[in-house]
Amino acid sequence: MKNIVIFTFCIISNLTVFSQYVDLPANIAWTGPNISLGTATVDQIETAYNYARSQENTALKTQIPEIDFPNAAVWGTMNTNQKALWIINQERTARGILPLEGTAPEVIEVAQNYCQYLIDNDTTGHYADGHNPLYRLQQNEKINACMQSYNENIGYSYSNNNTAPTFVVERLIYWLIYEDATSNWGHRQNFFKSNFNDNSGEIGKEGLLGVGYVVSTSYKTYNYTAFAVFNIIDPCSTWEYPATSIKQNTNTDNIFVQDSRLYITHLPKRSIVEIVSSSGAIIETGTIHTDMYTSSVLIPGNYIVCIIQSNGEKHSYKFVVR
C-alpha cells in the first residue's frame, strides 16, 4: 500500500543465529483493505494474512497453516499490545519458533515514549532523538539490569483522508513480515528471532514485547498519521514477572514465591506437584489432596515446578528463589 512507510530495522545482539528462520525470495503484496479508509474488518485482515501464508508455502515449500483471528467482538476488546503479541506469536509458532512470553509495561513505556517523540518532532528513524534503541531501553532500571539482547522495528501509516485509519498495527506487522525485501528482511528477522534463552517465565516461551502506538492529526501535513514502535527484549533468568503472568491458562491457579517457599493456590485436588532444580534434581514431588500447596524452604536458585492435574493436563513454570 502506497501510504505506508517502513524504516530500516536496527538489531544489536550478542546472539545472531536464526536457526528456524528463512527469508522470502520476494515481497508478498498486501491483498487486504486500504486501512487509511477506516473501514477494514477483522475478516479482511485474516484473509490477507492467509493469502500471504499460502504464497509463502508455495515459495518456500513449507506447510504453514491458516491463521484464525478471534472474531470481531473479541478482537475489539484487545488493546494494541495484546493484538500485536497475538499476531507475532501466531506467526512465530506457525514456523516452529517459541512464542514470546508476553508484554512488559517497562518495554511498552520505552516504545510509547519514543513513538510520541517521533510524532511530536515530525521525524522518524531509530536515532531521531540523538540516541539508539539500546540507550533508550537502558534508561529503564529494570530493563538495564536484566536484558540479554533486544531489537526494534518502526513503521508508520499516513493519509489525507478525513477518517482515522483502523487496523494499522495489524497492517504494519504484515508489512514487516511479508513485504520487507528492501530491508533485506531485517524486520522479519526481528520478529522471528529464535535464539532467545528460554530461561525466564513459563517454559517454552521467551522474550518480552512492548509496542508504542500513537495516532496524530498534527504530523507534518497529513490529516492522520499512525506510528508504531515495536521493541522486543530477551530478559535474563531473574526477571520479575507480575503475578498475573504466572497464572494457569484457566486463570484458576496462582503461583508465587514468598519467604523462600513456593505457594500454589486454587490447585485442583489430586494434582501431582514436582519441583525440579536447574540441574535437573527433583527437590519435591507428591500428590496434593487439598487446593493449596506450600513447598519446604528452598535454597536460592532457579527452579521449575511441574503440575499434572488429575485429568492429565500438564503445566510447567520457572521460578526463582532469592
C-alpha atoms as a PDB file:
ATOM      1  CA  MET A   1       0.000   0.000   0.000  1.00  0.00           C
ATOM      2  CA  LYS A   2       1.480   3.336  -1.007  1.00  0.00           C
ATOM      3  CA  ASN A   3       0.748   5.215   2.172  1.00  0.00           C
ATOM      4  CA  ILE A   4       2.802   3.007   4.482  1.00  0.00           C
ATOM      5  CA  VAL A   5       6.482   3.702   5.004  1.00  0.00           C
ATOM      6  CA  ILE A   6       8.772   1.323   6.889  1.00  0.00           C
ATOM      7  CA  PHE A   7      12.157   2.394   8.150  1.00  0.00           C
ATOM      8  CA  THR A   8      15.360   0.416   8.343  1.00  0.00           C
ATOM      9  CA  PHE A   9      15.467  -2.001  11.246  1.00  0.00           C
ATOM     10  CA  CYS A  10      18.051  -1.944  13.981  1.00  0.00           C
ATOM     11  CA  ILE A  11      19.174  -5.039  15.838  1.00  0.00           C
ATOM     12  CA  ILE A  12      22.134  -5.220  18.199  1.00  0.00           C
ATOM     13  CA  SER A  13      22.625  -8.504  19.951  1.00  0.00           C
ATOM     14  CA  ASN A  14      25.324 -10.826  21.106  1.00  0.00           C
ATOM     15  CA  LEU A  15      23.284 -13.679  19.584  1.00  0.00           C
ATOM     16  CA  THR A  16      22.959 -13.897  15.823  1.00  0.00           C
ATOM     17  CA  VAL A  17      21.724 -17.378  14.936  1.00  0.00           C
ATOM     18  CA  PHE A  18      18.286 -17.625  13.296  1.00  0.00           C
ATOM     19  CA  SER A  19      18.053 -21.391  13.343  1.00  0.00           C
ATOM     20  CA  GLN A  20      14.396 -21.700  12.331  1.00  0.00           C
ATOM     21  CA  TYR A  21      14.109 -18.711  10.021  1.00  0.00           C
ATOM     22  CA  VAL A  22      14.007 -18.430   6.229  1.00  0.00           C
ATOM     23  CA  ASP A  23      13.862 -15.213   4.184  1.00  0.00           C
ATOM     24  CA  LEU A  24      11.257 -14.871   1.492  1.00  0.00           C
ATOM     25  CA  PRO A  25      12.513 -14.702  -2.107  1.00  0.00           C
ATOM     26  CA  ALA A  26      10.308 -11.659  -2.798  1.00  0.00           C
ATOM     27  CA  ASN A  27       7.628  -9.489  -1.243  1.00  0.00           C
ATOM     28  CA  ILE A  28       4.116 -10.879  -0.926  1.00  0.00           C
ATOM     29  CA  ALA A  29       1.880  -7.925  -1.754  1.00  0.00           C
ATOM     30  CA  TRP A  30      -0.919  -6.947   0.601  1.00  0.00           C
ATOM     31  CA  THR A  31      -4.306  -8.032  -0.744  1.00  0.00           C
ATOM     32  CA  GLY A  32      -6.303  -6.629   2.136  1.00  0.00           C
ATOM     33  CA  PRO A  33      -8.254  -3.393   2.516  1.00  0.00           C
ATOM     34  CA  ASN A  34      -6.912   0.153   2.478  1.00  0.00           C
ATOM     35  CA  ILE A  35      -6.586   0.751   6.217  1.00  0.00           C
ATOM     36  CA  SER A  36      -6.470   4.535   5.788  1.00  0.00           C
ATOM     37  CA  LEU A  37     -10.172   4.483   4.889  1.00  0.00           C
ATOM     38  CA  GLY A  38     -11.085   3.312   8.377  1.00  0.00           C
ATOM     39  CA  THR A  39     -13.492   0.643   7.107  1.00  0.00           C
ATOM     40  CA  ALA A  40     -11.399  -2.539   7.352  1.00  0.00           C
ATOM     41  CA  THR A  41     -12.704  -5.635   9.133  1.00  0.00           C
ATOM     42  CA  VAL A  42     -11.050  -8.470  11.046  1.00  0.00           C
ATOM     43  CA  ASP A  43     -12.189 -10.950   8.394  1.00  0.00           C
ATOM     44  CA  GLN A  44     -10.479  -8.935   5.658  1.00  0.00           C
ATOM     45  CA  ILE A  45      -7.251  -8.769   7.659  1.00  0.00           C
ATOM     46  CA  GLU A  46      -7.386 -12.534   8.261  1.00  0.00           C
ATOM     47  CA  THR A  47      -7.908 -13.204   4.555  1.00  0.00           C
ATOM     48  CA  ALA A  48      -4.885 -11.068   3.664  1.00  0.00           C
ATOM     49  CA  TYR A  49      -2.664 -12.895   6.149  1.00  0.00           C
ATOM     50  CA  ASN A  50      -3.836 -16.270   4.884  1.00  0.00           C
ATOM     51  CA  TYR A  51      -3.095 -15.277   1.301  1.00  0.00           C
ATOM     52  CA  ALA A  52       0.450 -14.388   2.380  1.00  0.00           C
ATOM     53  CA  ARG A  53       0.847 -17.706   4.185  1.00  0.00           C
ATOM     54  CA  SER A  54      -0.301 -19.634   1.135  1.00  0.00           C
ATOM     55  CA  GLN A  55       2.151 -17.729  -1.046  1.00  0.00           C
ATOM     56  CA  GLU A  56       4.972 -18.365   1.401  1.00  0.00           C
ATOM     57  CA  ASN A  57       4.141 -22.063   1.408  1.00  0.00           C
ATOM     58  CA  THR A  58       4.400 -22.085  -2.367  1.00  0.00           C
ATOM     59  CA  ALA A  59       7.649 -20.125  -2.427  1.00  0.00           C
ATOM     60  CA  LEU A  60       9.429 -21.955   0.395  1.00  0.00           C
ATOM     61  CA  LYS A  61       7.798 -25.409   0.126  1.00  0.00           C
ATOM     62  CA  THR A  62       6.521 -25.102   3.689  1.00  0.00           C
ATOM     63  CA  GLN A  63       3.210 -26.062   5.279  1.00  0.00           C
ATOM     64  CA  ILE A  64       2.291 -23.072   7.408  1.00  0.00           C
ATOM     65  CA  PRO A  65      -1.345 -23.492   8.478  1.00  0.00           C
ATOM     66  CA  GLU A  66      -4.003 -20.839   8.036  1.00  0.00           C
ATOM     67  CA  ILE A  67      -4.283 -18.191  10.726  1.00  0.00           C
ATOM     68  CA  ASP A  68      -7.619 -17.914  12.536  1.00  0.00           C
ATOM     69  CA  PHE A  69      -8.158 -14.479  14.067  1.00  0.00           C
ATOM     70  CA  PRO A  70     -10.539 -14.069  17.004  1.00  0.00           C
ATOM     71  CA  ASN A  71     -13.959 -12.770  15.985  1.00  0.00           C
ATOM     72  CA  ALA A  72     -14.525  -9.031  15.710  1.00  0.00           C
ATOM     73  CA  ALA A  73     -16.176  -8.767  19.134  1.00  0.00           C
ATOM     74  CA  VAL A  74     -13.193 -10.380  20.868  1.00  0.00           C
ATOM     75  CA  TRP A  75     -10.615  -8.543  18.769  1.00  0.00           C
ATOM     76  CA  GLY A  76     -12.283  -5.262  19.656  1.00  0.00           C
ATOM     77  CA  THR A  77     -11.727  -5.857  23.375  1.00  0.00           C
ATOM     78  CA  MET A  78      -7.958  -6.337  22.950  1.00  0.00           C
ATOM     79  CA  ASN A  79      -5.552  -3.425  23.297  1.00  0.00           C
ATOM     80  CA  THR A  80      -2.767  -2.632  20.830  1.00  0.00           C
ATOM     81  CA  ASN A  81      -0.120  -4.642  22.670  1.00  0.00           C
ATOM     82  CA  GLN A  82      -2.378  -7.672  23.052  1.00  0.00           C
ATOM     83  CA  LYS A  83      -3.188  -7.647  19.347  1.00  0.00           C
ATOM     84  CA  ALA A  84       0.454  -7.267  18.330  1.00  0.00           C
ATOM     85  CA  LEU A  85       1.544 -10.054  20.689  1.00  0.00           C
ATOM     86  CA  TRP A  86      -1.193 -12.347  19.368  1.00  0.00           C
ATOM     87  CA  ILE A  87      -0.247 -11.860  15.709  1.00  0.00           C
ATOM     88  CA  ILE A  88       3.509 -12.073  16.275  1.00  0.00           C
ATOM     89  CA  ASN A  89       3.154 -15.241  18.347  1.00  0.00           C
ATOM     90  CA  GLN A  90       0.816 -16.800  15.778  1.00  0.00           C
ATOM     91  CA  GLU A  91       3.425 -16.132  13.096  1.00  0.00           C
ATOM     92  CA  ARG A  92       6.268 -17.433  15.262  1.00  0.00           C
ATOM     93  CA  THR A  93       4.599 -20.661  16.379  1.00  0.00           C
ATOM     94  CA  ALA A  94       3.367 -21.400  12.850  1.00  0.00           C
ATOM     95  CA  ARG A  95       7.044 -21.598  11.877  1.00  0.00           C
ATOM     96  CA  GLY A  96       8.146 -23.676  14.859  1.00  0.00           C
ATOM     97  CA  ILE A  97       9.607 -20.732  16.788  1.00  0.00           C
ATOM     98  CA  LEU A  98       8.883 -20.335  20.501  1.00  0.00           C
ATOM     99  CA  PRO A  99       6.255 -17.689  21.265  1.00  0.00           C
ATOM    100  CA  LEU A 100       7.165 -14.546  23.155  1.00  0.00           C
ATOM    101  CA  GLU A 101       6.455 -14.732  26.880  1.00  0.00           C
ATOM    102  CA  GLY A 102       4.239 -11.657  26.815  1.00  0.00           C
ATOM    103  CA  THR A 103       4.298  -7.891  27.022  1.00  0.00           C
ATOM    104  CA  ALA A 104       6.037  -5.908  29.742  1.00  0.00           C
ATOM    105  CA  PRO A 105       4.988  -2.447  30.965  1.00  0.00           C
ATOM    106  CA  GLU A 106       8.632  -1.392  31.135  1.00  0.00           C
ATOM    107  CA  VAL A 107       9.199  -2.192  27.447  1.00  0.00           C
ATOM    108  CA  ILE A 108       5.850  -0.671  26.457  1.00  0.00           C
ATOM    109  CA  GLU A 109       6.770   2.571  28.209  1.00  0.00           C
ATOM    110  CA  VAL A 110      10.067   2.878  26.338  1.00  0.00           C
ATOM    111  CA  ALA A 111       8.389   2.196  22.991  1.00  0.00           C
ATOM    112  CA  GLN A 112       5.476   4.538  23.723  1.00  0.00           C
ATOM    113  CA  ASN A 113       7.703   7.421  24.787  1.00  0.00           C
ATOM    114  CA  TYR A 114       9.817   7.172  21.656  1.00  0.00           C
ATOM    115  CA  CYS A 115       6.741   6.818  19.469  1.00  0.00           C
ATOM    116  CA  GLN A 116       5.355  10.043  20.956  1.00  0.00           C
ATOM    117  CA  TYR A 117       8.712  11.756  20.459  1.00  0.00           C
ATOM    118  CA  LEU A 118       8.661  10.941  16.746  1.00  0.00           C
ATOM    119  CA  ILE A 119       5.155  12.360  16.364  1.00  0.00           C
ATOM    120  CA  ASP A 120       5.869  15.487  18.413  1.00  0.00           C
ATOM    121  CA  ASN A 121       9.021  16.271  16.432  1.00  0.00           C
ATOM    122  CA  ASP A 122       7.774  15.460  12.922  1.00  0.00           C
ATOM    123  CA  THR A 123      10.555  12.936  12.447  1.00  0.00           C
ATOM    124  CA  THR A 124      11.302   9.247  12.338  1.00  0.00           C
ATOM    125  CA  GLY A 125      14.133   6.727  12.460  1.00  0.00           C
ATOM    126  CA  HIS A 126      15.937   4.826  15.187  1.00  0.00           C
ATOM    127  CA  TYR A 127      18.283   7.696  16.109  1.00  0.00           C
ATOM    128  CA  ALA A 128      15.963  10.703  15.821  1.00  0.00           C
ATOM    129  CA  ASP A 129      16.380  11.664  19.499  1.00  0.00           C
ATOM    130  CA  GLY A 130      20.163  11.553  19.279  1.00  0.00           C
ATOM    131  CA  HIS A 131      20.294   8.109  20.882  1.00  0.00           C
ATOM    132  CA  ASN A 132      19.896   4.487  19.794  1.00  0.00           C
ATOM    133  CA  PRO A 133      17.388   1.790  20.836  1.00  0.00           C
ATOM    134  CA  LEU A 134      19.829   0.275  23.342  1.00  0.00           C
ATOM    135  CA  TYR A 135      20.280   3.607  25.110  1.00  0.00           C
ATOM    136  CA  ARG A 136      16.536   4.182  25.388  1.00  0.00           C
ATOM    137  CA  LEU A 137      15.922   0.706  26.813  1.00  0.00           C
ATOM    138  CA  GLN A 138      18.794   1.061  29.264  1.00  0.00           C
ATOM    139  CA  GLN A 139      17.222   4.168  30.776  1.00  0.00           C
ATOM    140  CA  ASN A 140      14.726   1.840  32.426  1.00  0.00           C
ATOM    141  CA  GLU A 141      16.428   0.461  35.534  1.00  0.00           C
ATOM    142  CA  LYS A 142      14.723  -2.933  35.443  1.00  0.00           C
ATOM    143  CA  ILE A 143      15.464  -3.486  31.747  1.00  0.00           C
ATOM    144  CA  ASN A 144      19.052  -2.321  32.104  1.00  0.00           C
ATOM    145  CA  ALA A 145      19.656  -4.812  34.926  1.00  0.00           C
ATOM    146  CA  CYS A 146      18.151  -7.794  33.124  1.00  0.00           C
ATOM    147  CA  MET A 147      18.374  -7.579  29.318  1.00  0.00           C
ATOM    148  CA  GLN A 148      20.437 -10.018  27.252  1.00  0.00           C
ATOM    149  CA  SER A 149      19.517  -8.818  23.750  1.00  0.00           C
ATOM    150  CA  TYR A 150      16.943  -6.667  22.005  1.00  0.00           C
ATOM    151  CA  ASN A 151      15.623  -5.361  18.709  1.00  0.00           C
ATOM    152  CA  GLU A 152      13.451  -2.547  17.402  1.00  0.00           C
ATOM    153  CA  ASN A 153      11.130  -2.082  14.426  1.00  0.00           C
ATOM    154  CA  ILE A 154       9.467   1.202  13.460  1.00  0.00           C
ATOM    155  CA  GLY A 155       6.723   1.890  10.951  1.00  0.00           C
ATOM    156  CA  TYR A 156       4.029   4.406  10.221  1.00  0.00           C
ATOM    157  CA  SER A 157       0.979   4.923   8.070  1.00  0.00           C
ATOM    158  CA  TYR A 158      -0.200   8.323   6.860  1.00  0.00           C
ATOM    159  CA  SER A 159      -3.114   9.633   4.834  1.00  0.00           C
ATOM    160  CA  ASN A 160      -5.050  12.758   3.938  1.00  0.00           C
ATOM    161  CA  ASN A 161      -8.404  11.066   4.325  1.00  0.00           C
ATOM    162  CA  ASN A 162     -10.988  12.594   6.643  1.00  0.00           C
ATOM    163  CA  THR A 163     -11.363   9.437   8.743  1.00  0.00           C
ATOM    164  CA  ALA A 164      -8.902   7.879  11.174  1.00  0.00           C
ATOM    165  CA  PRO A 165      -7.176   4.704   9.968  1.00  0.00           C
ATOM    166  CA  THR A 166      -8.014   1.353  11.551  1.00  0.00           C
ATOM    167  CA  PHE A 167      -6.058  -1.907  11.865  1.00  0.00           C
ATOM    168  CA  VAL A 168      -2.775  -0.027  11.455  1.00  0.00           C
ATOM    169  CA  VAL A 169      -0.724  -2.283  13.749  1.00  0.00           C
ATOM    170  CA  GLU A 170      -2.109  -5.371  12.016  1.00  0.00           C
ATOM    171  CA  ARG A 171      -1.130  -3.907   8.639  1.00  0.00           C
ATOM    172  CA  LEU A 172       2.322  -2.810   9.780  1.00  0.00           C
ATOM    173  CA  ILE A 173       3.162  -6.234  11.201  1.00  0.00           C
ATOM    174  CA  TYR A 174       2.173  -7.742   7.857  1.00  0.00           C
ATOM    175  CA  TRP A 175       4.443  -5.270   6.051  1.00  0.00           C
ATOM    176  CA  LEU A 176       7.362  -6.022   8.333  1.00  0.00           C
ATOM    177  CA  ILE A 177       6.987  -9.781   7.857  1.00  0.00           C
ATOM    178  CA  TYR A 178       5.879 -10.185   4.254  1.00  0.00           C
ATOM    179  CA  GLU A 179       6.939  -7.013   2.392  1.00  0.00           C
ATOM    180  CA  ASP A 180      10.405  -6.382   3.779  1.00  0.00           C
ATOM    181  CA  ALA A 181      12.646  -7.152   0.795  1.00  0.00           C
ATOM    182  CA  THR A 182      14.039  -3.599   0.605  1.00  0.00           C
ATOM    183  CA  SER A 183      15.370  -4.016   4.159  1.00  0.00           C
ATOM    184  CA  ASN A 184      16.878  -7.420   3.391  1.00  0.00           C
ATOM    185  CA  TRP A 185      14.195  -8.977   5.607  1.00  0.00           C
ATOM    186  CA  GLY A 186      15.677  -7.413   8.745  1.00  0.00           C
ATOM    187  CA  HIS A 187      12.294  -6.537  10.258  1.00  0.00           C
ATOM    188  CA  ARG A 188      11.045 -10.051   9.561  1.00  0.00           C
ATOM    189  CA  GLN A 189      14.167 -11.460  11.218  1.00  0.00           C
ATOM    190  CA  ASN A 190      13.494  -9.331  14.297  1.00  0.00           C
ATOM    191  CA  PHE A 191      10.020 -10.768  14.750  1.00  0.00           C
ATOM    192  CA  PHE A 192      11.185 -14.318  14.063  1.00  0.00           C
ATOM    193  CA  LYS A 193      14.302 -14.301  16.193  1.00  0.00           C
ATOM    194  CA  SER A 194      14.569 -17.828  17.587  1.00  0.00           C
ATOM    195  CA  ASN A 195      17.645 -17.722  19.802  1.00  0.00           C
ATOM    196  CA  PHE A 196      16.311 -16.064  22.924  1.00  0.00           C
ATOM    197  CA  ASN A 197      17.321 -18.033  26.024  1.00  0.00           C
ATOM    198  CA  ASP A 198      14.377 -19.986  27.445  1.00  0.00           C
ATOM    199  CA  ASN A 199      15.429 -19.103  30.980  1.00  0.00           C
ATOM    200  CA  SER A 200      12.642 -16.975  32.433  1.00  0.00           C
ATOM    201  CA  GLY A 201       8.892 -17.166  32.866  1.00  0.00           C
ATOM    202  CA  GLU A 202       6.882 -20.095  31.529  1.00  0.00           C
ATOM    203  CA  ILE A 203       8.738 -22.960  29.894  1.00  0.00           C
ATOM    204  CA  GLY A 204       8.508 -22.845  26.110  1.00  0.00           C
ATOM    205  CA  LYS A 205       8.125 -19.066  25.913  1.00  0.00           C
ATOM    206  CA  GLU A 206      10.773 -16.357  25.898  1.00  0.00           C
ATOM    207  CA  GLY A 207      11.037 -12.671  25.068  1.00  0.00           C
ATOM    208  CA  LEU A 208       9.038  -9.599  26.077  1.00  0.00           C
ATOM    209  CA  LEU A 209       7.276  -7.254  23.679  1.00  0.00           C
ATOM    210  CA  GLY A 210       6.417  -3.590  24.055  1.00  0.00           C
ATOM    211  CA  VAL A 211       4.537  -1.638  21.391  1.00  0.00           C
ATOM    212  CA  GLY A 212       4.233   2.125  21.316  1.00  0.00           C
ATOM    213  CA  TYR A 213       1.329   3.379  19.207  1.00  0.00           C
ATOM    214  CA  VAL A 214       0.194   6.945  18.518  1.00  0.00           C
ATOM    215  CA  VAL A 215      -2.371   8.316  16.063  1.00  0.00           C
ATOM    216  CA  SER A 216      -1.896  12.016  15.323  1.00  0.00           C
ATOM    217  CA  THR A 217      -3.564  14.751  13.275  1.00  0.00           C
ATOM    218  CA  SER A 218      -0.577  17.083  13.593  1.00  0.00           C
ATOM    219  CA  TYR A 219       2.286  15.138  11.997  1.00  0.00           C
ATOM    220  CA  LYS A 220       3.706  17.149   9.080  1.00  0.00           C
ATOM    221  CA  THR A 221       0.899  17.976   6.622  1.00  0.00           C
ATOM    222  CA  TYR A 222      -1.104  14.743   6.860  1.00  0.00           C
ATOM    223  CA  ASN A 223      -4.645  14.533   8.158  1.00  0.00           C
ATOM    224  CA  TYR A 224      -3.809  11.335  10.019  1.00  0.00           C
ATOM    225  CA  THR A 225      -0.542   9.638  10.875  1.00  0.00           C
ATOM    226  CA  ALA A 226      -0.232   6.470  12.940  1.00  0.00           C
ATOM    227  CA  PHE A 227       3.182   5.480  14.308  1.00  0.00           C
ATOM    228  CA  ALA A 228       4.140   2.140  15.817  1.00  0.00           C
ATOM    229  CA  VAL A 229       7.392   1.277  17.604  1.00  0.00           C
ATOM    230  CA  PHE A 230       7.997  -2.406  18.378  1.00  0.00           C
ATOM    231  CA  ASN A 231      10.633  -3.271  20.988  1.00  0.00           C
ATOM    232  CA  ILE A 232      11.457  -6.862  21.977  1.00  0.00           C
ATOM    233  CA  ILE A 233      13.907  -7.812  24.714  1.00  0.00           C
ATOM    234  CA  ASP A 234      15.303 -11.138  25.903  1.00  0.00           C
ATOM    235  CA  PRO A 235      15.156 -10.911  29.710  1.00  0.00           C
ATOM    236  CA  CYS A 236      17.633 -12.621  31.999  1.00  0.00           C
ATOM    237  CA  SER A 237      16.693 -15.531  34.254  1.00  0.00           C
ATOM    238  CA  THR A 238      15.907 -13.300  37.236  1.00  0.00           C
ATOM    239  CA  TRP A 239      13.348 -11.067  35.513  1.00  0.00           C
ATOM    240  CA  GLU A 240      10.482 -10.481  37.934  1.00  0.00           C
ATOM    241  CA  TYR A 241       7.155 -11.091  36.234  1.00  0.00           C
ATOM    242  CA  PRO A 242       3.914  -9.635  37.554  1.00  0.00           C
ATOM    243  CA  ALA A 243       1.777 -12.154  39.429  1.00  0.00           C
ATOM    244  CA  THR A 244      -0.780 -12.390  36.628  1.00  0.00           C
ATOM    245  CA  SER A 245       1.854 -13.629  34.206  1.00  0.00           C
ATOM    246  CA  ILE A 246       2.303 -16.909  36.051  1.00  0.00           C
ATOM    247  CA  LYS A 247      -1.324 -17.949  36.303  1.00  0.00           C
ATOM    248  CA  GLN A 248      -2.546 -21.080  34.654  1.00  0.00           C
ATOM    249  CA  ASN A 249      -4.324 -20.751  31.316  1.00  0.00           C
ATOM    250  CA  THR A 250      -7.578 -21.375  33.151  1.00  0.00           C
ATOM    251  CA  ASN A 251      -6.852 -18.407  35.468  1.00  0.00           C
ATOM    252  CA  THR A 252      -7.599 -20.657  38.483  1.00  0.00           C
ATOM    253  CA  ASP A 253      -4.072 -21.393  39.706  1.00  0.00           C
ATOM    254  CA  ASN A 254      -1.873 -18.723  41.220  1.00  0.00           C
ATOM    255  CA  ILE A 255       1.795 -19.375  41.835  1.00  0.00           C
ATOM    256  CA  PHE A 256       4.110 -17.171  43.871  1.00  0.00           C
ATOM    257  CA  VAL A 257       7.263 -17.284  45.972  1.00  0.00           C
ATOM    258  CA  GLN A 258       7.401 -15.826  49.458  1.00  0.00           C
ATOM    259  CA  ASP A 259       9.960 -16.298  52.234  1.00  0.00           C
ATOM    260  CA  SER A 260      11.834 -18.916  50.165  1.00  0.00           C
ATOM    261  CA  ARG A 261       8.755 -21.104  49.720  1.00  0.00           C
ATOM    262  CA  LEU A 262       6.653 -21.776  46.627  1.00  0.00           C
ATOM    263  CA  TYR A 263       2.903 -21.348  47.079  1.00  0.00           C
ATOM    264  CA  ILE A 264       0.200 -22.576  44.688  1.00  0.00           C
ATOM    265  CA  THR A 265      -3.389 -21.571  45.439  1.00  0.00           C
ATOM    266  CA  HIS A 266      -6.648 -22.800  43.878  1.00  0.00           C
ATOM    267  CA  LEU A 267      -4.886 -26.011  42.934  1.00  0.00           C
ATOM    268  CA  PRO A 268      -7.127 -28.739  41.509  1.00  0.00           C
ATOM    269  CA  LYS A 269      -7.256 -31.550  44.042  1.00  0.00           C
ATOM    270  CA  ARG A 270      -5.265 -34.722  43.431  1.00  0.00           C
ATOM    271  CA  SER A 271      -2.759 -32.807  41.330  1.00  0.00           C
ATOM    272  CA  ILE A 272       0.832 -34.010  41.245  1.00  0.00           C
ATOM    273  CA  VAL A 273       3.325 -31.241  42.026  1.00  0.00           C
ATOM    274  CA  GLU A 274       7.019 -31.676  41.315  1.00  0.00           C
ATOM    275  CA  ILE A 275       9.777 -29.127  41.904  1.00  0.00           C
ATOM    276  CA  VAL A 276      12.972 -29.579  39.916  1.00  0.00           C
ATOM    277  CA  SER A 277      16.226 -27.642  40.339  1.00  0.00           C
ATOM    278  CA  SER A 278      18.119 -26.020  37.464  1.00  0.00           C
ATOM    279  CA  SER A 279      20.456 -29.041  37.487  1.00  0.00           C
ATOM    280  CA  GLY A 280      17.520 -31.420  36.965  1.00  0.00           C
ATOM    281  CA  ALA A 281      17.389 -32.790  40.505  1.00  0.00           C
ATOM    282  CA  ILE A 282      13.906 -33.483  41.886  1.00  0.00           C
ATOM    283  CA  ILE A 283      13.551 -31.416  45.071  1.00  0.00           C
ATOM    284  CA  GLU A 284       9.972 -32.283  45.990  1.00  0.00           C
ATOM    285  CA  THR A 285       7.209 -34.380  44.466  1.00  0.00           C
ATOM    286  CA  GLY A 286       3.849 -35.658  45.589  1.00  0.00           C
ATOM    287  CA  THR A 287       0.090 -35.803  45.055  1.00  0.00           C
ATOM    288  CA  ILE A 288      -1.739 -32.874  46.647  1.00  0.00           C
ATOM    289  CA  HIS A 289      -5.148 -33.585  48.173  1.00  0.00           C
ATOM    290  CA  THR A 290      -6.044 -30.004  49.085  1.00  0.00           C
ATOM    291  CA  ASP A 291      -6.457 -26.887  46.957  1.00  0.00           C
ATOM    292  CA  MET A 292      -3.222 -25.273  48.153  1.00  0.00           C
ATOM    293  CA  TYR A 293       0.406 -26.337  48.017  1.00  0.00           C
ATOM    294  CA  THR A 294       3.273 -24.951  50.096  1.00  0.00           C
ATOM    295  CA  SER A 295       6.811 -26.139  49.483  1.00  0.00           C
ATOM    296  CA  SER A 296       9.518 -26.562  52.056  1.00  0.00           C
ATOM    297  CA  VAL A 297      12.088 -23.787  52.400  1.00  0.00           C
ATOM    298  CA  LEU A 298      14.130 -23.691  49.180  1.00  0.00           C
ATOM    299  CA  ILE A 299      17.702 -22.518  48.842  1.00  0.00           C
ATOM    300  CA  PRO A 300      18.301 -19.595  46.455  1.00  0.00           C
ATOM    301  CA  GLY A 301      18.334 -20.643  42.814  1.00  0.00           C
ATOM    302  CA  ASN A 302      16.319 -21.289  39.656  1.00  0.00           C
ATOM    303  CA  TYR A 303      13.599 -23.947  39.703  1.00  0.00           C
ATOM    304  CA  ILE A 304      10.860 -25.488  37.600  1.00  0.00           C
ATOM    305  CA  VAL A 305       7.514 -26.552  39.047  1.00  0.00           C
ATOM    306  CA  CYS A 306       5.526 -29.141  37.108  1.00  0.00           C
ATOM    307  CA  ILE A 307       1.811 -29.553  37.814  1.00  0.00           C
ATOM    308  CA  ILE A 308      -0.058 -32.585  36.491  1.00  0.00           C
ATOM    309  CA  GLN A 309      -3.785 -32.380  37.113  1.00  0.00           C
ATOM    310  CA  SER A 310      -5.945 -35.456  37.665  1.00  0.00           C
ATOM    311  CA  ASN A 311      -7.341 -35.107  34.118  1.00  0.00           C
ATOM    312  CA  GLY A 312      -3.817 -35.373  32.691  1.00  0.00           C
ATOM    313  CA  GLU A 313      -3.430 -31.654  31.912  1.00  0.00           C
ATOM    314  CA  LYS A 314       0.153 -30.535  32.461  1.00  0.00           C
ATOM    315  CA  HIS A 315       1.681 -27.124  33.235  1.00  0.00           C
ATOM    316  CA  SER A 316       5.290 -26.126  33.874  1.00  0.00           C
ATOM    317  CA  TYR A 317       6.631 -22.836  35.215  1.00  0.00           C
ATOM    318  CA  LYS A 318      10.049 -21.458  36.013  1.00  0.00           C
ATOM    319  CA  PHE A 319      10.557 -19.543  39.252  1.00  0.00           C
ATOM    320  CA  VAL A 320      13.411 -18.042  41.213  1.00  0.00           C
ATOM    321  CA  VAL A 321      14.136 -18.153  44.915  1.00  0.00           C
ATOM    322  CA  ARG A 322      16.389 -15.347  46.117  1.00  0.00           C
END
